[in-house]
Amino acid sequence: MLSYQHAFHAGNHADVIKHLCWLGVINALKKKDKPFTLYDSHAGAGCYDLADAMSTKNKEYESGISRFMDADVRQPLLNDYLALCHDFLSLNHYPGSPVISAQAKRDSDVLHLMELHPAEFNKLNSYIGKLRKPNSHVHKRDGYEGLRALTPPKPNRGAILIDPPYEKASEYLDVVKGIQSVFKRWQQAQIVVWYPLLSERAGAKHGASESMCDKLAELGTPCFKAEICVSQNTTDAGMYGSGVLVLNPPWQLDQQLSDVLNEITPLMGESASSSLQWLNQDN
């Protein structure tokens, strides 16, 4: 489970939908002056060099952010995302969720980043230190254990990003158990869960994301899922797309994401498609 290196996938379609959604959550929290706390359970290295050996192996960013990074975009959330990424992309780097969180939050807001992989943790700790963002904490610990120990925050405002590698089929159930544990102590938590969409080639993991989303919806919390697919779901397609499930989403995030997906999906290739569906409607 500690073999995963996100650099192979930096800036791909999965990062695009995940980071757009996460930035939308942070933007909503910033509408009030009261400080908040952000948690990233599987933080990774923080920032990725798109010219290094891992990123250039498959060049997944070419089917992701590269498709629209120079486009004349209209949607405010998409503009915010590209503006945050701009300085990094100009250096041929891509900011991961820890850097997006650190750059987007205010000095009074708190950030907890958790990463267990030794090499990834060292990179993350070094990079976040160089950013010199107040109240940013890096933890070498299991993400779910960290969430149990560090939630709920004071004041009781904030959000969690859960983005596991899903190397093992059991990780899907780990997500459900982790969120159940959080909600026992912090029912107001806004939680973003990223998940892959996998074809039959994935074996036991085929359909696991869909099952996980169903189990999370059974918790009864208001939630929606947004998905983007970049290829057809054929038998041997592998990861043909990905999605985010948002529990306790902020007001109008669904509309913002729909508008952004409608704008970028036509730029992601002839086979690209996207959707947004409420599983438990917010009352």
Protein backbone atom coordinates (compact mmCIF):
# COMPACT_ATOMS: atom_id res chain seq x y z
CA MET A 1 0.00 0.00 0.00
CA LEU A 2 3.02 2.27 0.35
CA SER A 3 4.13 1.76 -3.25
CA TYR A 4 1.80 4.37 -4.75
CA GLN A 5 3.41 7.52 -6.18
CA HIS A 6 0.99 10.19 -7.39
CA ALA A 7 3.62 11.79 -9.65
CA PHE A 8 2.70 9.23 -12.33
CA HIS A 9 -0.77 10.79 -12.51
CA ALA A 10 -0.17 14.48 -11.69
CA GLY A 11 -2.44 16.91 -13.51
CA ASN A 12 -4.62 14.22 -15.09
CA HIS A 13 -8.41 14.28 -15.39
CA ALA A 14 -8.74 12.88 -11.86
CA ASP A 15 -6.72 15.76 -10.40
CA VAL A 16 -8.78 18.24 -12.39
CA ILE A 17 -12.19 17.22 -11.02
CA LYS A 18 -10.82 16.60 -7.51
CA HIS A 19 -9.04 19.93 -7.21
CA LEU A 20 -11.84 21.96 -8.78
CA CYS A 21 -14.28 20.49 -6.26
CA TRP A 22 -11.92 20.94 -3.31
CA LEU A 23 -11.22 24.57 -4.23
CA GLY A 24 -14.97 25.16 -4.49
CA VAL A 25 -15.39 23.89 -0.92
CA ILE A 26 -12.58 26.12 0.35
CA ASN A 27 -14.00 29.16 -1.46
CA ALA A 28 -17.37 28.57 0.22
CA LEU A 29 -15.78 28.34 3.67
CA LYS A 30 -13.95 31.62 3.06
CA LYS A 31 -17.23 33.50 2.60
CA LYS A 32 -17.42 33.81 6.40
CA ASP A 33 -14.76 35.54 8.50
CA LYS A 34 -14.71 32.76 11.08
CA PRO A 35 -11.63 30.52 10.65
CA PHE A 36 -11.91 26.90 9.51
CA THR A 37 -9.79 23.73 9.45
CA LEU A 38 -8.89 21.64 6.40
CA TYR A 39 -7.82 17.99 6.53
CA ASP A 40 -6.13 16.00 3.76
CA SER A 41 -6.01 12.31 4.69
CA HIS A 42 -3.78 11.09 1.82
CA ALA A 43 -1.78 14.19 0.99
CA GLY A 44 1.00 12.91 -1.28
CA ALA A 45 4.13 14.90 -2.10
CA GLY A 46 2.44 18.30 -2.37
CA CYS A 47 3.75 19.43 -5.75
CA TYR A 48 4.91 17.56 -8.86
CA ASP A 49 7.51 18.27 -11.53
CA LEU A 50 5.84 17.46 -14.84
CA ALA A 51 9.27 17.02 -16.44
CA ASP A 52 10.52 14.30 -14.10
CA ALA A 53 10.70 10.63 -15.02
CA MET A 54 7.48 9.61 -13.28
CA SER A 55 5.29 12.38 -14.72
CA THR A 56 6.67 11.97 -18.23
CA LYS A 57 6.24 8.20 -18.29
CA ASN A 58 2.57 8.41 -19.26
CA LYS A 59 2.17 12.20 -19.52
CA GLU A 60 -1.31 11.96 -18.03
CA TYR A 61 -1.47 15.73 -17.63
CA GLU A 62 -1.81 15.92 -21.42
CA SER A 63 -5.30 14.43 -21.10
CA GLY A 64 -6.03 16.61 -18.07
CA ILE A 65 -5.16 20.20 -17.28
CA SER A 66 -3.14 20.66 -20.48
CA ARG A 67 -6.40 20.44 -22.43
CA PHE A 68 -7.66 23.79 -21.15
CA MET A 69 -4.84 25.54 -19.26
CA ASP A 70 -4.50 28.14 -22.03
CA ALA A 71 -8.20 28.36 -22.88
CA ASP A 72 -10.27 31.51 -22.49
CA VAL A 73 -12.52 30.16 -19.72
CA ARG A 74 -15.71 31.69 -18.37
CA GLN A 75 -16.68 30.01 -15.11
CA PRO A 76 -15.41 31.76 -11.91
CA LEU A 77 -14.40 28.51 -10.17
CA LEU A 78 -12.43 27.42 -13.22
CA ASN A 79 -10.73 30.82 -13.35
CA ASP A 80 -9.80 30.52 -9.67
CA TYR A 81 -8.33 27.07 -10.26
CA LEU A 82 -6.25 28.12 -13.23
CA ALA A 83 -5.10 31.31 -11.50
CA LEU A 84 -3.88 29.26 -8.52
CA CYS A 85 -2.11 26.78 -10.80
CA HIS A 86 -0.63 29.39 -13.15
CA ASP A 87 2.68 30.12 -11.41
CA PHE A 88 3.31 26.42 -10.88
CA LEU A 89 2.46 25.48 -14.46
CA SER A 90 4.77 28.22 -15.72
CA LEU A 91 7.58 26.23 -14.04
CA ASN A 92 6.21 22.97 -15.49
CA HIS A 93 4.98 21.93 -12.04
CA TYR A 94 1.52 20.88 -10.90
CA PRO A 95 0.24 21.72 -7.39
CA GLY A 96 -1.29 18.80 -5.50
CA SER A 97 -4.14 19.18 -3.03
CA PRO A 98 -1.83 20.15 -0.10
CA VAL A 99 -0.45 23.11 -2.03
CA ILE A 100 -3.89 24.10 -3.32
CA SER A 101 -5.14 24.05 0.28
CA ALA A 102 -2.18 26.02 1.60
CA GLN A 103 -2.42 28.62 -1.15
CA ALA A 104 -6.20 29.01 -0.94
CA LYS A 105 -6.66 29.18 2.82
CA ARG A 106 -6.22 32.33 4.89
CA ASP A 107 -3.51 32.74 7.52
CA SER A 108 -6.07 32.25 10.30
CA ASP A 109 -7.31 28.96 8.85
CA VAL A 110 -5.69 25.66 9.87
CA LEU A 111 -4.43 22.91 7.56
CA HIS A 112 -3.61 19.31 8.56
CA LEU A 113 -1.83 17.19 5.94
CA MET A 114 -1.37 13.46 6.54
CA GLU A 115 0.93 11.19 4.56
CA LEU A 116 2.33 7.78 5.54
CA HIS A 117 4.58 7.01 2.55
CA PRO A 118 8.15 7.89 3.75
CA ALA A 119 9.41 9.39 0.49
CA GLU A 120 6.17 11.27 -0.17
CA PHE A 121 6.10 12.57 3.41
CA ASN A 122 9.64 13.94 3.16
CA LYS A 123 8.82 15.77 -0.07
CA LEU A 124 5.58 17.09 1.39
CA ASN A 125 7.19 18.29 4.62
CA SER A 126 9.94 20.06 2.70
CA TYR A 127 7.62 21.73 0.21
CA ILE A 128 5.08 22.95 2.74
CA GLY A 129 7.92 24.32 4.85
CA LYS A 130 9.15 26.37 1.89
CA LEU A 131 5.68 27.87 1.37
CA ARG A 132 5.78 29.33 4.90
CA LYS A 133 2.00 29.32 5.27
CA PRO A 134 0.90 29.83 8.90
CA ASN A 135 -1.07 27.09 10.65
CA SER A 136 -0.05 24.41 8.14
CA HIS A 137 0.83 21.10 9.78
CA VAL A 138 2.32 17.98 8.18
CA HIS A 139 1.81 14.60 9.89
CA LYS A 140 3.50 11.29 9.13
CA ARG A 141 0.54 9.16 10.13
CA ASP A 142 -2.33 7.10 8.81
CA GLY A 143 -4.97 9.44 7.46
CA TYR A 144 -7.96 7.80 9.13
CA GLU A 145 -6.17 7.65 12.48
CA GLY A 146 -5.32 11.32 12.06
CA LEU A 147 -8.94 12.21 11.35
CA ARG A 148 -10.04 10.36 14.49
CA ALA A 149 -7.45 12.20 16.57
CA LEU A 150 -7.82 15.70 15.12
CA THR A 151 -11.57 16.09 14.61
CA PRO A 152 -13.76 17.90 15.41
CA PRO A 153 -11.92 21.20 15.06
CA LYS A 154 -12.47 24.33 17.11
CA PRO A 155 -14.28 26.35 15.89
CA ASN A 156 -16.51 23.69 14.38
CA ARG A 157 -16.00 24.64 10.72
CA GLY A 158 -14.03 22.84 8.07
CA ALA A 159 -13.68 20.19 5.41
CA ILE A 160 -11.95 16.88 4.71
CA LEU A 161 -10.44 15.59 1.47
CA ILE A 162 -10.13 11.80 1.25
CA ASP A 163 -8.13 10.67 -1.76
CA PRO A 164 -6.73 7.15 -1.27
CA PRO A 165 -4.77 5.30 -3.97
CA TYR A 166 -7.27 2.39 -3.88
CA GLU A 167 -4.46 -0.07 -4.52
CA LYS A 168 -6.38 -2.74 -2.58
CA ALA A 169 -10.08 -3.50 -2.91
CA SER A 170 -10.41 -3.18 0.88
CA GLU A 171 -9.64 0.55 0.68
CA TYR A 172 -13.14 1.32 -0.52
CA LEU A 173 -14.61 -0.02 2.71
CA ASP A 174 -11.89 1.83 4.65
CA VAL A 175 -13.29 5.09 3.26
CA VAL A 176 -16.81 4.25 4.43
CA LYS A 177 -15.61 3.27 7.90
CA GLY A 178 -13.44 6.37 8.14
CA ILE A 179 -16.31 8.68 7.28
CA GLN A 180 -18.67 6.89 9.66
CA SER A 181 -16.10 7.47 12.41
CA VAL A 182 -15.83 11.18 11.58
CA PHE A 183 -19.60 11.71 11.55
CA LYS A 184 -19.89 10.19 15.04
CA ARG A 185 -17.96 13.20 16.33
CA TRP A 186 -18.40 15.82 13.64
CA GLN A 187 -21.74 15.66 11.82
CA GLN A 188 -21.22 19.05 10.15
CA ALA A 189 -18.02 17.99 8.35
CA GLN A 190 -17.92 18.78 4.66
CA ILE A 191 -16.21 15.78 3.04
CA VAL A 192 -14.91 15.33 -0.50
CA VAL A 193 -14.12 11.75 -1.55
CA TRP A 194 -12.33 11.11 -4.82
CA TYR A 195 -12.81 7.74 -6.54
CA PRO A 196 -11.78 6.05 -9.81
CA LEU A 197 -14.14 4.68 -12.43
CA LEU A 198 -12.73 1.29 -13.47
CA SER A 199 -13.62 -1.11 -16.26
CA GLU A 200 -13.97 -4.88 -15.95
CA ARG A 201 -10.20 -5.16 -16.42
CA ALA A 202 -9.86 -4.04 -12.78
CA GLY A 203 -11.23 -7.37 -11.56
CA ALA A 204 -12.41 -7.19 -7.94
CA LYS A 205 -12.23 -3.39 -7.99
CA HIS A 206 -14.68 -3.13 -10.90
CA GLY A 207 -17.85 -1.54 -9.49
CA ALA A 208 -16.23 -0.90 -6.10
CA SER A 209 -16.49 2.88 -6.41
CA GLU A 210 -20.17 2.67 -7.26
CA SER A 211 -20.78 0.38 -4.27
CA MET A 212 -18.83 2.73 -2.00
CA CYS A 213 -20.93 5.70 -3.10
CA ASP A 214 -24.12 3.75 -2.40
CA LYS A 215 -22.88 2.87 1.10
CA LEU A 216 -21.97 6.50 1.81
CA ALA A 217 -25.38 7.66 0.61
CA GLU A 218 -26.97 5.24 3.09
CA LEU A 219 -25.53 7.38 5.90
CA GLY A 220 -28.36 9.81 5.12
CA THR A 221 -26.19 12.91 4.82
CA PRO A 222 -26.91 15.31 1.95
CA CYS A 223 -24.52 14.36 -0.86
CA PHE A 224 -23.98 14.45 -4.60
CA LYS A 225 -21.46 12.90 -6.96
CA ALA A 226 -19.82 14.49 -9.98
CA GLU A 227 -17.99 12.43 -12.59
CA ILE A 228 -15.89 12.98 -15.67
CA CYS A 229 -15.08 10.24 -18.18
CA VAL A 230 -12.36 10.63 -20.80
CA SER A 231 -12.87 7.34 -22.64
CA GLN A 232 -15.57 4.75 -23.22
CA ASN A 233 -16.20 2.13 -20.54
CA THR A 234 -15.06 -0.84 -22.58
CA THR A 235 -13.99 -4.16 -21.04
CA ASP A 236 -10.27 -3.34 -21.16
CA ALA A 237 -10.43 0.45 -20.70
CA GLY A 238 -8.81 0.49 -17.25
CA MET A 239 -9.54 3.79 -15.46
CA TYR A 240 -11.85 5.48 -17.92
CA GLY A 241 -12.83 8.34 -15.60
CA SER A 242 -13.20 9.43 -12.01
CA GLY A 243 -15.51 11.24 -9.67
CA VAL A 244 -15.99 13.05 -6.41
CA LEU A 245 -18.64 12.39 -3.81
CA VAL A 246 -19.36 15.45 -1.69
CA LEU A 247 -21.07 15.01 1.68
CA ASN A 248 -22.61 18.08 3.35
CA PRO A 249 -21.75 20.16 0.27
CA PRO A 250 -21.78 23.94 0.53
CA TRP A 251 -24.62 25.85 -1.08
CA GLN A 252 -24.42 26.12 -4.88
CA LEU A 253 -21.30 23.94 -5.23
CA ASP A 254 -23.33 21.53 -7.35
CA GLN A 255 -24.21 24.30 -9.81
CA GLN A 256 -20.66 25.62 -9.88
CA LEU A 257 -19.25 22.16 -10.65
CA SER A 258 -21.92 21.49 -13.30
CA ASP A 259 -21.08 24.75 -15.03
CA VAL A 260 -17.35 24.01 -14.97
CA LEU A 261 -17.79 20.44 -16.22
CA ASN A 262 -20.02 21.68 -19.03
CA GLU A 263 -17.23 24.06 -20.05
CA ILE A 264 -14.22 21.73 -19.88
CA THR A 265 -15.72 18.40 -20.96
CA PRO A 266 -15.83 19.28 -24.68
CA LEU A 267 -12.11 20.11 -24.42
CA MET A 268 -11.19 16.75 -22.90
CA GLY A 269 -11.58 14.70 -26.08
CA GLU A 270 -14.22 13.25 -28.38
CA SER A 271 -15.14 10.48 -25.93
CA ALA A 272 -15.35 12.74 -22.89
CA SER A 273 -18.55 13.04 -20.88
CA SER A 274 -19.53 14.32 -17.44
CA SER A 275 -22.44 14.23 -15.03
CA LEU A 276 -23.61 15.40 -11.61
CA GLN A 277 -26.22 13.56 -9.57
CA TRP A 278 -27.66 14.16 -6.10
CA LEU A 279 -27.83 10.96 -4.04
CA ASN A 280 -29.37 12.57 -0.97
CA GLN A 281 -30.96 15.92 -1.71
CA ASP A 282 -30.16 18.82 0.61
CA ASN A 283 -33.35 20.00 2.28
